[in-house]
Protein backbone atom coordinates (compact mmCIF):
# COMPACT_ATOMS: atom_id res chain seq x y z
CA MET A 1 22.72 -16.41 -11.73
CA SER A 2 19.25 -14.99 -11.21
CA LEU A 3 18.50 -12.67 -8.30
CA SER A 4 15.00 -14.12 -8.13
CA THR A 5 16.31 -17.35 -6.59
CA THR A 6 19.52 -16.06 -5.00
CA SER A 7 19.81 -14.86 -1.43
CA LEU A 8 20.41 -11.13 -1.16
CA SER A 9 22.81 -9.22 1.05
CA HIS A 10 21.33 -6.90 3.66
CA GLU A 11 22.19 -3.93 1.46
CA GLN A 12 20.53 -5.47 -1.62
CA ALA A 13 17.45 -6.43 0.38
CA ALA A 14 17.14 -2.91 1.81
CA ARG A 15 17.52 -1.37 -1.66
CA PHE A 16 14.91 -3.70 -3.13
CA LEU A 17 12.40 -3.06 -0.32
CA SER A 18 12.89 0.70 -0.55
CA ARG A 19 11.81 0.51 -4.18
CA ALA A 20 9.11 -2.17 -4.00
CA THR A 21 7.46 -0.85 -0.82
CA PHE A 22 7.35 2.34 1.23
CA GLY A 23 10.45 1.05 3.03
CA ALA A 24 11.41 -1.86 5.21
CA LYS A 25 9.97 -2.18 8.67
CA GLY A 26 10.68 -4.54 11.51
CA ASN A 27 12.39 -7.68 10.29
CA ASP A 28 11.58 -7.16 6.58
CA ILE A 29 15.22 -6.98 5.53
CA ASN A 30 16.25 -10.05 7.53
CA ASN A 31 13.24 -11.98 6.24
CA LEU A 32 14.16 -11.16 2.64
CA VAL A 33 17.82 -12.05 3.21
CA ASN A 34 16.71 -15.45 4.55
CA THR A 35 14.55 -16.16 1.49
CA ASN A 36 14.60 -14.77 -2.07
CA ILE A 37 12.70 -12.28 -4.21
CA THR A 38 10.52 -14.91 -5.87
CA ASP A 39 9.30 -16.16 -2.49
CA TRP A 40 8.79 -12.57 -1.32
CA PHE A 41 6.56 -11.82 -4.33
CA THR A 42 4.65 -15.07 -3.80
CA THR A 43 4.01 -14.11 -0.18
CA GLN A 44 2.91 -10.59 -1.15
CA PHE A 45 0.38 -12.02 -3.64
CA THR A 46 -1.18 -14.26 -0.97
CA PHE A 47 -2.29 -11.40 1.27
CA PRO A 48 -6.00 -10.57 0.97
CA ILE A 49 -7.05 -7.42 -0.84
CA GLU A 50 -8.39 -4.84 1.58
CA SER A 51 -10.65 -1.99 0.60
CA HIS A 52 -9.64 1.61 1.22
CA LEU A 53 -13.32 2.56 0.86
CA THR A 54 -14.34 0.16 3.64
CA LYS A 55 -11.54 1.42 5.89
CA MET A 56 -12.50 5.06 5.17
CA ARG A 57 -16.08 4.31 6.20
CA GLU A 58 -14.85 2.60 9.38
CA PHE A 59 -12.80 5.68 10.31
CA ALA A 60 -15.69 8.04 9.48
CA ASP A 61 -18.21 5.99 11.45
CA ALA A 62 -15.86 5.65 14.44
CA THR A 63 -15.23 9.40 14.61
CA GLY A 64 -18.68 10.61 13.54
CA ASP A 65 -17.00 12.39 10.64
CA ALA A 66 -18.54 12.74 7.20
CA TYR A 67 -17.07 10.86 4.25
CA ASN A 68 -14.49 13.53 3.57
CA GLU A 69 -10.74 14.01 3.29
CA ASN A 70 -10.02 13.23 6.96
CA PRO A 71 -11.17 9.58 7.03
CA ARG A 72 -9.86 9.09 3.47
CA MET A 73 -6.34 10.11 4.49
CA SER A 74 -6.62 8.14 7.73
CA ALA A 75 -7.46 5.03 5.71
CA TRP A 76 -4.59 5.65 3.31
CA TRP A 77 -2.05 6.14 6.09
CA ASP A 78 -3.35 3.12 8.00
CA PHE A 79 -2.88 0.87 4.98
CA THR A 80 0.47 2.41 4.06
CA VAL A 81 1.95 1.96 7.53
CA ASN A 82 0.22 -1.20 8.80
CA SER A 83 -0.69 -3.45 5.87
CA GLN A 84 1.19 -6.65 5.22
CA ASP A 85 0.66 -6.29 1.45
CA THR A 86 3.27 -3.56 1.14
CA LEU A 87 3.88 -4.25 -2.54
CA ARG A 88 0.20 -3.75 -3.40
CA GLN A 89 0.06 -0.50 -1.41
CA ARG A 90 3.19 0.85 -3.13
CA LEU A 91 1.90 -0.16 -6.56
CA ALA A 92 -1.49 1.46 -5.93
CA PHE A 93 0.27 4.67 -4.91
CA ALA A 94 2.52 4.59 -7.98
CA LEU A 95 -0.47 4.09 -10.28
CA SER A 96 -2.31 6.94 -8.55
CA GLN A 97 0.57 9.21 -9.55
CA ILE A 98 0.06 8.24 -13.19
CA VAL A 99 -3.73 8.15 -13.31
CA VAL A 100 -4.57 11.31 -11.43
CA VAL A 101 -8.06 11.70 -10.04
CA SER A 102 -8.52 15.17 -8.62
CA LYS A 103 -10.60 15.47 -5.49
CA MET A 104 -11.19 19.08 -6.48
CA ALA A 105 -13.14 18.30 -9.66
CA GLY A 106 -16.76 19.19 -9.03
CA LEU A 107 -18.81 15.99 -8.86
CA ILE A 108 -15.94 13.81 -7.68
CA GLN A 109 -15.38 16.11 -4.72
CA LYS A 110 -19.00 15.47 -3.65
CA ASP A 111 -18.64 11.71 -4.19
CA LEU A 112 -15.47 10.80 -2.27
CA PRO A 113 -16.20 7.04 -2.38
CA SER A 114 -15.58 7.25 -6.14
CA ILE A 115 -11.98 8.27 -5.46
CA MET A 116 -11.56 5.52 -2.88
CA THR A 117 -12.47 2.78 -5.34
CA CYS A 118 -9.31 3.68 -7.28
CA TYR A 119 -7.32 2.01 -4.49
């Protein structure tokens, strides 16, 4: 029996979501229990890709702030907490832990949009 097409218990759904996302929110666990992992992945892949760089610029323009660490982190937190594509956000974070781009490295520090294109 494959878990990909089998309904999960609440405990299994919570465990899966805690690993595949930054954690379940709202009705995420119940929604997964009422479907299956394959359908969950299919749904995650249908969400449009949103740009962290665009969101950073929106935050900077709205606050009058420069393109610096403040709007960058605001964009990251906004996507992490509010995006529907929770799998993509978790995967981008995981990859950022492997491929480290330091914001302290000379030219990159002066060109923050370069860091934002990594997401």
